[in-house]
Amino acid sequence: MKEEIENIEDGLTESEELYEKLSLTIDKGQEPLRIDKFLMSRIEGATRNKIQQAIDNEMVLVNEKPIKNNYKVKPHDKIIVYNDHSPESTDIVPENIPLNIQYEDDDIMIINKPVGMVVHPGSGNPNGTLINAVAYHLKLQDPELDENKLSRFGLVHRIDKNTSGLLVMAKTQKAMTDLAKQFFNHTVHRRYLALVWGDFEQDEGTIVAHVGRHQRFRKLFTAYPDGDHGKDAITHYKVLERFNYVTLIECRLETGRTHQIRVHMQLIGHPLFNDDFYGGDRIVKGTVFTKYKQFVDNCFEICKRQALHAKELGFIHPTTKEKMLFESELPDDMRLVIEKWRKYIEHKEV
């Protein structure tokens, strides 16, 4: 039997997308078979009970719709099996790390992540992460919370270590499933502020180019405009303020691929200011004068990371179904460097 099976592996370190365990299309010769039996033979280590639980939690979709346990697969069915937690197997150790929690109820938490904090433990970052801090916070609320539940806490999306701003986390299985679908369906509102090199001809635009791991340098991601590699990625941008050599823009994500804004901006010749991964940590636009170089170096000292901030996050609450919208202020390093560029340009114009 010929089947198209895709194991989703890209972007597990800093991704902003729903975790998929399996995606497949049923061959035209498939005989009717209960979906739980069908999936047991195709997912390593799966039990009937686990699969039925996933179906009950609407973590299994057939033709983009939830189904019942007694559903029988048919030729050409498109099946997606969701993972309800990160594929990483790292044990979560609660750590007493301060958190900036903007909102919390029984279902969700909205956290304003600072610069320099990794979201999830992984290779090279076993502790000191946002998830370690959240685990401690949850243990204070419920001392009986066991390690198994902590390891499955609802991390629906991420932002890079040196990107600041808003994250939503799910506190229940139901909330996790609901939010994961919203991200997967691209219905979540995400607005970023970025300071990028260069001036723009247009006040706004859209970048469409697949984003995937660099085929040689695996820590980097790159754009594939022809779509042969990576995953589809769409970024809408709008100019907010021009400083001749750099520009303050807002970016609205239609998709959430790893390093998407950083890669897309590099693609169109406007790397993020001080982005050491994608060429923004040097003078890209400007003069050759020593005073200008010194000014830029001073700016790099103020904002020692890529100038990117996840400012707005909006979604439908998984339980109340109300529209939720959260906003966070620019952190000091970005705010100060923007003010410095503003004064520099004002002085030059005088």
C-alpha atoms as a PDB file:
ATOM      1  CA  MET A   1       0.000   0.000   0.000  1.00  0.00           C
ATOM      2  CA  LYS A   2       1.276   3.423  -0.931  1.00  0.00           C
ATOM      3  CA  GLU A   3       0.771   6.156   1.645  1.00  0.00           C
ATOM      4  CA  GLU A   4       2.123   9.653   1.992  1.00  0.00           C
ATOM      5  CA  ILE A   5       3.389   9.961   5.556  1.00  0.00           C
ATOM      6  CA  GLU A   6       5.073  13.042   6.904  1.00  0.00           C
ATOM      7  CA  ASN A   7       6.724  13.118  10.308  1.00  0.00           C
ATOM      8  CA  ILE A   8       6.925  16.703  11.482  1.00  0.00           C
ATOM      9  CA  GLU A   9      10.406  17.469  12.805  1.00  0.00           C
ATOM     10  CA  ASP A  10      11.298  21.013  11.732  1.00  0.00           C
ATOM     11  CA  GLY A  11      11.524  23.872  14.187  1.00  0.00           C
ATOM     12  CA  LEU A  12      11.316  22.052  17.515  1.00  0.00           C
ATOM     13  CA  THR A  13      13.743  24.386  19.279  1.00  0.00           C
ATOM     14  CA  GLU A  14      12.034  27.770  19.020  1.00  0.00           C
ATOM     15  CA  SER A  15       8.920  27.132  16.969  1.00  0.00           C
ATOM     16  CA  GLU A  16       5.554  28.848  17.125  1.00  0.00           C
ATOM     17  CA  GLU A  17       3.396  26.158  15.686  1.00  0.00           C
ATOM     18  CA  LEU A  18       1.212  23.244  16.674  1.00  0.00           C
ATOM     19  CA  TYR A  19       3.069  20.035  17.344  1.00  0.00           C
ATOM     20  CA  GLU A  20       2.029  17.366  14.872  1.00  0.00           C
ATOM     21  CA  LYS A  21       2.901  13.728  15.461  1.00  0.00           C
ATOM     22  CA  LEU A  22       1.699  12.396  12.148  1.00  0.00           C
ATOM     23  CA  SER A  23       0.137  13.615   8.937  1.00  0.00           C
ATOM     24  CA  LEU A  24      -0.968  11.173   6.263  1.00  0.00           C
ATOM     25  CA  THR A  25      -3.288  10.632   3.327  1.00  0.00           C
ATOM     26  CA  ILE A  26      -5.047   7.270   2.970  1.00  0.00           C
ATOM     27  CA  ASP A  27      -4.328   5.289  -0.186  1.00  0.00           C
ATOM     28  CA  LYS A  28      -7.202   4.655  -2.594  1.00  0.00           C
ATOM     29  CA  GLY A  29      -7.000   0.900  -1.944  1.00  0.00           C
ATOM     30  CA  GLN A  30      -7.617   1.108   1.812  1.00  0.00           C
ATOM     31  CA  GLU A  31     -10.411  -1.127   3.162  1.00  0.00           C
ATOM     32  CA  PRO A  32     -12.742   0.403   5.819  1.00  0.00           C
ATOM     33  CA  LEU A  33     -11.047   0.098   9.228  1.00  0.00           C
ATOM     34  CA  ARG A  34     -11.678   1.673  12.634  1.00  0.00           C
ATOM     35  CA  ILE A  35      -9.403   4.651  13.004  1.00  0.00           C
ATOM     36  CA  ASP A  36      -8.035   3.576  16.397  1.00  0.00           C
ATOM     37  CA  LYS A  37      -6.903   0.241  14.946  1.00  0.00           C
ATOM     38  CA  PHE A  38      -5.513   1.974  11.888  1.00  0.00           C
ATOM     39  CA  LEU A  39      -3.434   4.437  13.936  1.00  0.00           C
ATOM     40  CA  MET A  40      -2.161   1.776  16.352  1.00  0.00           C
ATOM     41  CA  SER A  41      -0.351   0.121  13.464  1.00  0.00           C
ATOM     42  CA  ARG A  42       1.269   3.363  12.377  1.00  0.00           C
ATOM     43  CA  ILE A  43       2.306   5.161  15.571  1.00  0.00           C
ATOM     44  CA  GLU A  44       5.136   3.540  17.458  1.00  0.00           C
ATOM     45  CA  GLY A  45       4.303   2.820  21.090  1.00  0.00           C
ATOM     46  CA  ALA A  46       0.655   3.864  20.710  1.00  0.00           C
ATOM     47  CA  THR A  47      -2.028   2.010  22.666  1.00  0.00           C
ATOM     48  CA  ARG A  48      -5.714   1.843  21.871  1.00  0.00           C
ATOM     49  CA  ASN A  49      -6.510   3.712  25.075  1.00  0.00           C
ATOM     50  CA  LYS A  50      -4.116   6.591  24.255  1.00  0.00           C
ATOM     51  CA  ILE A  51      -5.460   6.883  20.735  1.00  0.00           C
ATOM     52  CA  GLN A  52      -9.065   6.890  21.960  1.00  0.00           C
ATOM     53  CA  GLN A  53      -8.196   9.598  24.490  1.00  0.00           C
ATOM     54  CA  ALA A  54      -6.615  11.659  21.707  1.00  0.00           C
ATOM     55  CA  ILE A  55      -9.767  11.233  19.607  1.00  0.00           C
ATOM     56  CA  ASP A  56     -11.976  12.228  22.555  1.00  0.00           C
ATOM     57  CA  ASN A  57      -9.817  15.348  23.053  1.00  0.00           C
ATOM     58  CA  GLU A  58     -10.142  16.199  19.350  1.00  0.00           C
ATOM     59  CA  MET A  59      -6.419  15.723  18.819  1.00  0.00           C
ATOM     60  CA  VAL A  60      -7.142  13.548  15.781  1.00  0.00           C
ATOM     61  CA  LEU A  61      -8.704  15.204  12.747  1.00  0.00           C
ATOM     62  CA  VAL A  62      -9.954  13.550   9.572  1.00  0.00           C
ATOM     63  CA  ASN A  63     -10.415  15.913   6.666  1.00  0.00           C
ATOM     64  CA  GLU A  64      -9.896  18.812   9.136  1.00  0.00           C
ATOM     65  CA  LYS A  65     -12.764  17.702  11.412  1.00  0.00           C
ATOM     66  CA  PRO A  66     -12.890  15.803  14.729  1.00  0.00           C
ATOM     67  CA  ILE A  67     -14.290  12.287  14.601  1.00  0.00           C
ATOM     68  CA  LYS A  68     -15.636   9.553  16.923  1.00  0.00           C
ATOM     69  CA  ASN A  69     -13.742   6.456  18.030  1.00  0.00           C
ATOM     70  CA  ASN A  70     -15.835   4.235  15.763  1.00  0.00           C
ATOM     71  CA  TYR A  71     -15.008   6.210  12.619  1.00  0.00           C
ATOM     72  CA  LYS A  72     -13.740   4.016   9.797  1.00  0.00           C
ATOM     73  CA  VAL A  73     -11.003   5.347   7.560  1.00  0.00           C
ATOM     74  CA  LYS A  74     -11.743   5.576   3.853  1.00  0.00           C
ATOM     75  CA  PRO A  75      -9.656   6.068   0.722  1.00  0.00           C
ATOM     76  CA  HIS A  76      -8.259   9.606   0.335  1.00  0.00           C
ATOM     77  CA  ASP A  77      -8.983  10.564   3.967  1.00  0.00           C
ATOM     78  CA  LYS A  78      -6.504  13.133   5.257  1.00  0.00           C
ATOM     79  CA  ILE A  79      -5.544  12.417   8.869  1.00  0.00           C
ATOM     80  CA  ILE A  80      -3.647  14.664  11.267  1.00  0.00           C
ATOM     81  CA  VAL A  81      -2.651  13.464  14.731  1.00  0.00           C
ATOM     82  CA  TYR A  82      -1.702  16.239  17.132  1.00  0.00           C
ATOM     83  CA  ASN A  83       0.775  16.043  19.985  1.00  0.00           C
ATOM     84  CA  ASP A  84      -0.508  17.829  23.070  1.00  0.00           C
ATOM     85  CA  HIS A  85       2.945  18.693  24.356  1.00  0.00           C
ATOM     86  CA  SER A  86       6.464  19.359  23.187  1.00  0.00           C
ATOM     87  CA  PRO A  87       8.273  16.399  21.648  1.00  0.00           C
ATOM     88  CA  GLU A  88      11.194  17.007  23.972  1.00  0.00           C
ATOM     89  CA  SER A  89      11.422  14.437  26.754  1.00  0.00           C
ATOM     90  CA  THR A  90      13.294  16.631  29.216  1.00  0.00           C
ATOM     91  CA  ASP A  91      11.989  16.283  32.765  1.00  0.00           C
ATOM     92  CA  ILE A  92      10.617  19.559  34.060  1.00  0.00           C
ATOM     93  CA  VAL A  93      12.198  20.668  37.330  1.00  0.00           C
ATOM     94  CA  PRO A  94      10.349  23.494  39.147  1.00  0.00           C
ATOM     95  CA  GLU A  95      12.609  26.504  39.758  1.00  0.00           C
ATOM     96  CA  ASN A  96      11.933  29.668  41.696  1.00  0.00           C
ATOM     97  CA  ILE A  97      12.354  32.147  38.837  1.00  0.00           C
ATOM     98  CA  PRO A  98      10.293  35.380  38.734  1.00  0.00           C
ATOM     99  CA  LEU A  99       7.579  35.521  36.086  1.00  0.00           C
ATOM    100  CA  ASN A 100       5.828  38.541  34.602  1.00  0.00           C
ATOM    101  CA  ILE A 101       2.272  37.161  34.415  1.00  0.00           C
ATOM    102  CA  GLN A 102      -0.078  39.577  32.681  1.00  0.00           C
ATOM    103  CA  TYR A 103      -3.188  37.439  33.062  1.00  0.00           C
ATOM    104  CA  GLU A 104      -4.162  34.107  34.570  1.00  0.00           C
ATOM    105  CA  ASP A 105      -7.330  32.100  35.116  1.00  0.00           C
ATOM    106  CA  ASP A 106      -8.145  28.398  35.488  1.00  0.00           C
ATOM    107  CA  ASP A 107      -7.437  27.728  31.796  1.00  0.00           C
ATOM    108  CA  ILE A 108      -4.633  29.955  30.562  1.00  0.00           C
ATOM    109  CA  MET A 109      -1.654  32.109  31.511  1.00  0.00           C
ATOM    110  CA  ILE A 110      -0.351  35.117  29.578  1.00  0.00           C
ATOM    111  CA  ILE A 111       3.339  35.676  30.270  1.00  0.00           C
ATOM    112  CA  ASN A 112       5.546  38.574  29.219  1.00  0.00           C
ATOM    113  CA  LYS A 113       8.874  36.848  28.525  1.00  0.00           C
ATOM    114  CA  PRO A 114      12.060  38.840  29.136  1.00  0.00           C
ATOM    115  CA  VAL A 115      15.052  38.920  26.816  1.00  0.00           C
ATOM    116  CA  GLY A 116      17.526  36.079  27.388  1.00  0.00           C
ATOM    117  CA  MET A 117      15.085  33.523  28.769  1.00  0.00           C
ATOM    118  CA  VAL A 118      14.784  30.244  26.881  1.00  0.00           C
ATOM    119  CA  VAL A 119      11.211  28.984  26.740  1.00  0.00           C
ATOM    120  CA  HIS A 120      11.701  25.220  27.144  1.00  0.00           C
ATOM    121  CA  PRO A 121      14.509  23.038  28.554  1.00  0.00           C
ATOM    122  CA  GLY A 122      16.563  21.350  25.882  1.00  0.00           C
ATOM    123  CA  SER A 123      20.082  20.559  24.796  1.00  0.00           C
ATOM    124  CA  GLY A 124      22.360  23.164  26.360  1.00  0.00           C
ATOM    125  CA  ASN A 125      19.513  24.678  28.413  1.00  0.00           C
ATOM    126  CA  PRO A 126      18.448  22.078  31.014  1.00  0.00           C
ATOM    127  CA  ASN A 127      17.168  24.669  33.474  1.00  0.00           C
ATOM    128  CA  GLY A 128      16.534  28.357  34.007  1.00  0.00           C
ATOM    129  CA  THR A 129      13.799  28.343  31.376  1.00  0.00           C
ATOM    130  CA  LEU A 130      10.333  29.815  31.351  1.00  0.00           C
ATOM    131  CA  ILE A 131       8.812  26.333  31.689  1.00  0.00           C
ATOM    132  CA  ASN A 132      10.890  25.656  34.827  1.00  0.00           C
ATOM    133  CA  ALA A 133       9.528  28.912  36.266  1.00  0.00           C
ATOM    134  CA  VAL A 134       5.949  28.040  35.296  1.00  0.00           C
ATOM    135  CA  ALA A 135       6.306  24.614  36.914  1.00  0.00           C
ATOM    136  CA  TYR A 136       7.302  26.267  40.190  1.00  0.00           C
ATOM    137  CA  HIS A 137       4.384  28.685  39.925  1.00  0.00           C
ATOM    138  CA  LEU A 138       1.931  25.826  39.375  1.00  0.00           C
ATOM    139  CA  LYS A 139       3.365  23.788  42.246  1.00  0.00           C
ATOM    140  CA  LEU A 140       2.719  26.720  44.558  1.00  0.00           C
ATOM    141  CA  GLN A 141      -0.919  26.655  43.448  1.00  0.00           C
ATOM    142  CA  ASP A 142      -1.182  22.865  43.747  1.00  0.00           C
ATOM    143  CA  PRO A 143       1.551  21.139  45.801  1.00  0.00           C
ATOM    144  CA  GLU A 144       0.095  17.752  44.788  1.00  0.00           C
ATOM    145  CA  LEU A 145       0.794  18.387  41.110  1.00  0.00           C
ATOM    146  CA  ASP A 146       2.862  15.428  39.892  1.00  0.00           C
ATOM    147  CA  GLU A 147       5.815  15.447  37.512  1.00  0.00           C
ATOM    148  CA  ASN A 148       3.842  13.775  34.727  1.00  0.00           C
ATOM    149  CA  LYS A 149       1.320  16.620  34.595  1.00  0.00           C
ATOM    150  CA  LEU A 150       4.095  19.212  34.761  1.00  0.00           C
ATOM    151  CA  SER A 151       5.912  17.683  31.792  1.00  0.00           C
ATOM    152  CA  ARG A 152       2.709  17.891  29.754  1.00  0.00           C
ATOM    153  CA  PHE A 153       1.984  21.532  30.555  1.00  0.00           C
ATOM    154  CA  GLY A 154       0.486  23.331  27.578  1.00  0.00           C
ATOM    155  CA  LEU A 155       3.239  25.086  25.676  1.00  0.00           C
ATOM    156  CA  VAL A 156       1.361  26.021  22.513  1.00  0.00           C
ATOM    157  CA  HIS A 157       3.922  28.323  20.878  1.00  0.00           C
ATOM    158  CA  ARG A 158       7.306  29.905  21.543  1.00  0.00           C
ATOM    159  CA  ILE A 159       9.403  32.949  20.913  1.00  0.00           C
ATOM    160  CA  ASP A 160      13.174  33.042  20.545  1.00  0.00           C
ATOM    161  CA  LYS A 161      15.487  33.333  23.530  1.00  0.00           C
ATOM    162  CA  ASN A 162      16.459  36.921  22.673  1.00  0.00           C
ATOM    163  CA  THR A 163      13.008  38.028  21.565  1.00  0.00           C
ATOM    164  CA  SER A 164      10.881  39.628  24.265  1.00  0.00           C
ATOM    165  CA  GLY A 165       7.116  39.634  24.642  1.00  0.00           C
ATOM    166  CA  LEU A 166       3.882  37.743  25.054  1.00  0.00           C
ATOM    167  CA  LEU A 167       3.226  34.011  25.280  1.00  0.00           C
ATOM    168  CA  VAL A 168       0.025  32.118  26.064  1.00  0.00           C
ATOM    169  CA  MET A 169       0.180  28.845  27.972  1.00  0.00           C
ATOM    170  CA  ALA A 170      -2.616  26.356  28.580  1.00  0.00           C
ATOM    171  CA  LYS A 171      -3.358  25.018  32.068  1.00  0.00           C
ATOM    172  CA  THR A 172      -5.793  22.280  31.021  1.00  0.00           C
ATOM    173  CA  GLN A 173      -5.991  19.641  28.320  1.00  0.00           C
ATOM    174  CA  LYS A 174      -9.092  21.271  26.861  1.00  0.00           C
ATOM    175  CA  ALA A 175      -7.416  24.668  26.672  1.00  0.00           C
ATOM    176  CA  MET A 176      -4.316  23.117  25.113  1.00  0.00           C
ATOM    177  CA  THR A 177      -6.329  21.440  22.369  1.00  0.00           C
ATOM    178  CA  ASP A 178      -8.388  24.527  21.615  1.00  0.00           C
ATOM    179  CA  LEU A 179      -5.440  26.940  21.504  1.00  0.00           C
ATOM    180  CA  ALA A 180      -3.324  24.542  19.455  1.00  0.00           C
ATOM    181  CA  LYS A 181      -6.042  24.460  16.805  1.00  0.00           C
ATOM    182  CA  GLN A 182      -6.253  28.252  16.738  1.00  0.00           C
ATOM    183  CA  PHE A 183      -2.526  28.494  16.086  1.00  0.00           C
ATOM    184  CA  PHE A 184      -2.683  25.709  13.520  1.00  0.00           C
ATOM    185  CA  ASN A 185      -5.533  27.435  11.698  1.00  0.00           C
ATOM    186  CA  HIS A 186      -3.687  30.798  11.742  1.00  0.00           C
ATOM    187  CA  THR A 187      -6.534  32.566  13.567  1.00  0.00           C
ATOM    188  CA  VAL A 188      -4.362  33.875  16.425  1.00  0.00           C
ATOM    189  CA  HIS A 189      -3.502  37.593  16.260  1.00  0.00           C
ATOM    190  CA  ARG A 190       0.231  38.201  16.689  1.00  0.00           C
ATOM    191  CA  ARG A 191       1.795  41.634  16.233  1.00  0.00           C
ATOM    192  CA  TYR A 192       5.520  42.208  16.628  1.00  0.00           C
ATOM    193  CA  LEU A 193       7.572  45.411  16.668  1.00  0.00           C
ATOM    194  CA  ALA A 194      10.968  45.273  14.992  1.00  0.00           C
ATOM    195  CA  LEU A 195      13.778  47.706  14.295  1.00  0.00           C
ATOM    196  CA  VAL A 196      15.362  46.735  10.977  1.00  0.00           C
ATOM    197  CA  TRP A 197      18.164  48.015   8.784  1.00  0.00           C
ATOM    198  CA  GLY A 198      17.426  50.230   5.784  1.00  0.00           C
ATOM    199  CA  ASP A 199      14.519  52.274   4.492  1.00  0.00           C
ATOM    200  CA  PHE A 200      11.465  50.867   2.705  1.00  0.00           C
ATOM    201  CA  GLU A 201      10.107  52.018  -0.644  1.00  0.00           C
ATOM    202  CA  GLN A 202       6.578  51.015   0.350  1.00  0.00           C
ATOM    203  CA  ASP A 203       4.752  51.747   3.596  1.00  0.00           C
ATOM    204  CA  GLU A 204       3.550  48.166   3.876  1.00  0.00           C
ATOM    205  CA  GLY A 205       3.887  44.811   2.199  1.00  0.00           C
ATOM    206  CA  THR A 206       3.718  41.037   2.484  1.00  0.00           C
ATOM    207  CA  ILE A 207       6.555  38.517   2.341  1.00  0.00           C
ATOM    208  CA  VAL A 208       5.706  35.008   1.137  1.00  0.00           C
ATOM    209  CA  ALA A 209       8.564  32.490   1.245  1.00  0.00           C
ATOM    210  CA  HIS A 210       8.984  29.059   2.789  1.00  0.00           C
ATOM    211  CA  VAL A 211      11.144  28.948   5.923  1.00  0.00           C
ATOM    212  CA  GLY A 212      13.192  25.908   6.906  1.00  0.00           C
ATOM    213  CA  ARG A 213      16.506  24.810   8.342  1.00  0.00           C
ATOM    214  CA  HIS A 214      19.600  25.857   6.459  1.00  0.00           C
ATOM    215  CA  GLN A 215      20.830  22.757   4.640  1.00  0.00           C
ATOM    216  CA  ARG A 216      24.433  23.330   5.668  1.00  0.00           C
ATOM    217  CA  PHE A 217      24.292  25.334   8.900  1.00  0.00           C
ATOM    218  CA  ARG A 218      21.657  23.499  10.951  1.00  0.00           C
ATOM    219  CA  LYS A 219      21.360  26.139  13.686  1.00  0.00           C
ATOM    220  CA  LEU A 220      20.216  28.684  11.133  1.00  0.00           C
ATOM    221  CA  PHE A 221      16.988  28.926   9.183  1.00  0.00           C
ATOM    222  CA  THR A 222      16.658  30.306   5.688  1.00  0.00           C
ATOM    223  CA  ALA A 223      14.035  31.315   3.156  1.00  0.00           C
ATOM    224  CA  TYR A 224      13.164  29.190   0.151  1.00  0.00           C
ATOM    225  CA  PRO A 225      11.132  31.423  -2.184  1.00  0.00           C
ATOM    226  CA  ASP A 226      10.490  28.589  -4.650  1.00  0.00           C
ATOM    227  CA  GLY A 227       8.925  26.415  -1.941  1.00  0.00           C
ATOM    228  CA  ASP A 228      11.080  23.351  -2.527  1.00  0.00           C
ATOM    229  CA  HIS A 229      12.123  23.208   1.126  1.00  0.00           C
ATOM    230  CA  GLY A 230      10.799  24.309   4.493  1.00  0.00           C
ATOM    231  CA  LYS A 231       7.221  25.274   5.315  1.00  0.00           C
ATOM    232  CA  ASP A 232       5.023  28.007   3.903  1.00  0.00           C
ATOM    233  CA  ALA A 233       5.432  31.283   5.766  1.00  0.00           C
ATOM    234  CA  ILE A 234       3.649  34.637   5.397  1.00  0.00           C
ATOM    235  CA  THR A 235       4.628  37.878   7.118  1.00  0.00           C
ATOM    236  CA  HIS A 236       2.748  41.186   6.720  1.00  0.00           C
ATOM    237  CA  TYR A 237       4.728  44.311   7.599  1.00  0.00           C
ATOM    238  CA  LYS A 238       3.941  48.001   7.992  1.00  0.00           C
ATOM    239  CA  VAL A 239       6.300  50.962   8.433  1.00  0.00           C
ATOM    240  CA  LEU A 240       5.741  52.853  11.695  1.00  0.00           C
ATOM    241  CA  GLU A 241       8.682  55.272  11.755  1.00  0.00           C
ATOM    242  CA  ARG A 242      11.631  55.933   9.444  1.00  0.00           C
ATOM    243  CA  PHE A 243      15.130  56.860  10.643  1.00  0.00           C
ATOM    244  CA  ASN A 244      16.849  56.868   7.201  1.00  0.00           C
ATOM    245  CA  TYR A 245      19.310  54.102   8.059  1.00  0.00           C
ATOM    246  CA  VAL A 246      16.946  51.962  10.116  1.00  0.00           C
ATOM    247  CA  THR A 247      13.153  51.620  10.231  1.00  0.00           C
ATOM    248  CA  LEU A 248      10.693  50.754  12.966  1.00  0.00           C
ATOM    249  CA  ILE A 249       8.074  48.350  11.601  1.00  0.00           C
ATOM    250  CA  GLU A 250       5.257  46.175  12.835  1.00  0.00           C
ATOM    251  CA  CYS A 251       4.970  42.590  11.638  1.00  0.00           C
ATOM    252  CA  ARG A 252       1.795  40.543  11.694  1.00  0.00           C
ATOM    253  CA  LEU A 253       2.290  36.817  11.412  1.00  0.00           C
ATOM    254  CA  GLU A 254      -0.063  34.738   9.309  1.00  0.00           C
ATOM    255  CA  THR A 255       2.080  31.673  10.022  1.00  0.00           C
ATOM    256  CA  GLY A 256       4.484  31.027  12.888  1.00  0.00           C
ATOM    257  CA  ARG A 257       7.656  29.392  11.642  1.00  0.00           C
ATOM    258  CA  THR A 258      10.938  29.306  13.515  1.00  0.00           C
ATOM    259  CA  HIS A 259      12.802  32.633  13.135  1.00  0.00           C
ATOM    260  CA  GLN A 260      10.179  33.655  10.555  1.00  0.00           C
ATOM    261  CA  ILE A 261      10.399  37.443  10.909  1.00  0.00           C
ATOM    262  CA  ARG A 262      14.192  37.364  11.159  1.00  0.00           C
ATOM    263  CA  VAL A 263      14.560  35.189   8.057  1.00  0.00           C
ATOM    264  CA  HIS A 264      11.955  37.075   6.007  1.00  0.00           C
ATOM    265  CA  MET A 265      13.500  40.455   6.803  1.00  0.00           C
ATOM    266  CA  GLN A 266      16.945  39.184   5.834  1.00  0.00           C
ATOM    267  CA  LEU A 267      15.451  37.890   2.581  1.00  0.00           C
ATOM    268  CA  ILE A 268      14.255  41.359   1.507  1.00  0.00           C
ATOM    269  CA  GLY A 269      17.473  43.071   2.560  1.00  0.00           C
ATOM    270  CA  HIS A 270      16.307  44.458   5.919  1.00  0.00           C
ATOM    271  CA  PRO A 271      17.861  42.267   8.648  1.00  0.00           C
ATOM    272  CA  LEU A 272      16.822  43.008  12.214  1.00  0.00           C
ATOM    273  CA  PHE A 273      19.010  45.483  14.054  1.00  0.00           C
ATOM    274  CA  ASN A 274      21.788  43.620  15.927  1.00  0.00           C
ATOM    275  CA  ASP A 275      20.606  40.168  14.794  1.00  0.00           C
ATOM    276  CA  ASP A 276      23.850  38.193  15.017  1.00  0.00           C
ATOM    277  CA  PHE A 277      22.332  35.160  13.272  1.00  0.00           C
ATOM    278  CA  TYR A 278      21.130  36.936  10.154  1.00  0.00           C
ATOM    279  CA  GLY A 279      23.584  39.739   9.463  1.00  0.00           C
ATOM    280  CA  GLY A 280      22.114  42.580  11.487  1.00  0.00           C
ATOM    281  CA  ASP A 281      25.010  42.902  13.945  1.00  0.00           C
ATOM    282  CA  ARG A 282      27.066  45.071  11.588  1.00  0.00           C
ATOM    283  CA  ILE A 283      26.482  48.342   9.737  1.00  0.00           C
ATOM    284  CA  VAL A 284      24.192  47.456   6.851  1.00  0.00           C
ATOM    285  CA  LYS A 285      23.122  50.988   5.872  1.00  0.00           C
ATOM    286  CA  GLY A 286      24.782  54.320   6.539  1.00  0.00           C
ATOM    287  CA  THR A 287      27.942  56.356   6.134  1.00  0.00           C
ATOM    288  CA  VAL A 288      31.607  55.475   6.511  1.00  0.00           C
ATOM    289  CA  PHE A 289      32.269  58.235   9.028  1.00  0.00           C
ATOM    290  CA  THR A 290      33.860  57.214  12.323  1.00  0.00           C
ATOM    291  CA  LYS A 291      31.252  59.133  14.347  1.00  0.00           C
ATOM    292  CA  TYR A 292      28.462  57.152  12.709  1.00  0.00           C
ATOM    293  CA  LYS A 293      30.208  53.846  13.397  1.00  0.00           C
ATOM    294  CA  GLN A 294      30.654  54.872  17.032  1.00  0.00           C
ATOM    295  CA  PHE A 295      26.969  55.805  17.229  1.00  0.00           C
ATOM    296  CA  VAL A 296      25.899  52.401  15.862  1.00  0.00           C
ATOM    297  CA  ASP A 297      28.270  50.581  18.240  1.00  0.00           C
ATOM    298  CA  ASN A 298      26.715  52.499  21.126  1.00  0.00           C
ATOM    299  CA  CYS A 299      23.283  51.412  19.927  1.00  0.00           C
ATOM    300  CA  PHE A 300      24.456  47.788  19.806  1.00  0.00           C
ATOM    301  CA  GLU A 301      25.588  48.164  23.430  1.00  0.00           C
ATOM    302  CA  ILE A 302      22.140  49.395  24.465  1.00  0.00           C
ATOM    303  CA  CYS A 303      20.222  46.679  22.589  1.00  0.00           C
ATOM    304  CA  LYS A 304      22.479  43.629  22.703  1.00  0.00           C
ATOM    305  CA  ARG A 305      20.099  41.341  20.802  1.00  0.00           C
ATOM    306  CA  GLN A 306      17.865  41.312  17.751  1.00  0.00           C
ATOM    307  CA  ALA A 307      15.438  44.222  18.132  1.00  0.00           C
ATOM    308  CA  LEU A 308      12.214  42.212  18.100  1.00  0.00           C
ATOM    309  CA  HIS A 309       9.313  42.307  20.550  1.00  0.00           C
ATOM    310  CA  ALA A 310       6.073  40.283  20.591  1.00  0.00           C
ATOM    311  CA  LYS A 311       3.805  43.213  21.432  1.00  0.00           C
ATOM    312  CA  GLU A 312       0.242  41.925  20.876  1.00  0.00           C
ATOM    313  CA  LEU A 313      -1.420  38.542  21.256  1.00  0.00           C
ATOM    314  CA  GLY A 314      -5.082  37.858  20.587  1.00  0.00           C
ATOM    315  CA  PHE A 315      -7.199  34.710  20.467  1.00  0.00           C
ATOM    316  CA  ILE A 316     -10.554  33.229  21.470  1.00  0.00           C
ATOM    317  CA  HIS A 317     -10.654  32.067  25.084  1.00  0.00           C
ATOM    318  CA  PRO A 318     -10.892  28.243  25.033  1.00  0.00           C
ATOM    319  CA  THR A 319     -13.688  28.122  27.634  1.00  0.00           C
ATOM    320  CA  THR A 320     -15.588  31.417  27.631  1.00  0.00           C
ATOM    321  CA  LYS A 321     -15.204  31.895  23.837  1.00  0.00           C
ATOM    322  CA  GLU A 322     -14.591  35.597  24.453  1.00  0.00           C
ATOM    323  CA  LYS A 323     -12.125  37.517  22.299  1.00  0.00           C
ATOM    324  CA  MET A 324      -8.946  38.114  24.281  1.00  0.00           C
ATOM    325  CA  LEU A 325      -6.316  40.710  23.344  1.00  0.00           C
ATOM    326  CA  PHE A 326      -3.165  41.457  25.317  1.00  0.00           C
ATOM    327  CA  GLU A 327      -0.474  44.074  24.787  1.00  0.00           C
ATOM    328  CA  SER A 328       2.944  44.579  26.333  1.00  0.00           C
ATOM    329  CA  GLU A 329       5.164  47.635  26.437  1.00  0.00           C
ATOM    330  CA  LEU A 330       8.497  47.732  24.654  1.00  0.00           C
ATOM    331  CA  PRO A 331      11.343  46.673  26.950  1.00  0.00           C
ATOM    332  CA  ASP A 332      13.862  49.337  27.907  1.00  0.00           C
ATOM    333  CA  ASP A 333      16.625  48.244  25.532  1.00  0.00           C
ATOM    334  CA  MET A 334      14.453  48.583  22.412  1.00  0.00           C
ATOM    335  CA  ARG A 335      12.743  51.733  23.658  1.00  0.00           C
ATOM    336  CA  LEU A 336      16.064  53.439  24.405  1.00  0.00           C
ATOM    337  CA  VAL A 337      17.697  52.481  21.116  1.00  0.00           C
ATOM    338  CA  ILE A 338      14.677  53.757  19.153  1.00  0.00           C
ATOM    339  CA  GLU A 339      14.843  57.052  21.060  1.00  0.00           C
ATOM    340  CA  LYS A 340      18.560  57.262  20.303  1.00  0.00           C
ATOM    341  CA  TRP A 341      17.958  56.833  16.558  1.00  0.00           C
ATOM    342  CA  ARG A 342      15.140  59.383  16.657  1.00  0.00           C
ATOM    343  CA  LYS A 343      17.397  62.000  18.258  1.00  0.00           C
ATOM    344  CA  TYR A 344      20.231  61.169  15.860  1.00  0.00           C
ATOM    345  CA  ILE A 345      18.060  61.796  12.810  1.00  0.00           C
ATOM    346  CA  GLU A 346      16.561  64.977  14.288  1.00  0.00           C
ATOM    347  CA  HIS A 347      20.049  66.297  14.927  1.00  0.00           C
ATOM    348  CA  LYS A 348      21.210  65.482  11.396  1.00  0.00           C
ATOM    349  CA  GLU A 349      18.189  67.196   9.882  1.00  0.00           C
ATOM    350  CA  VAL A 350      19.029  70.350  11.838  1.00  0.00           C
END
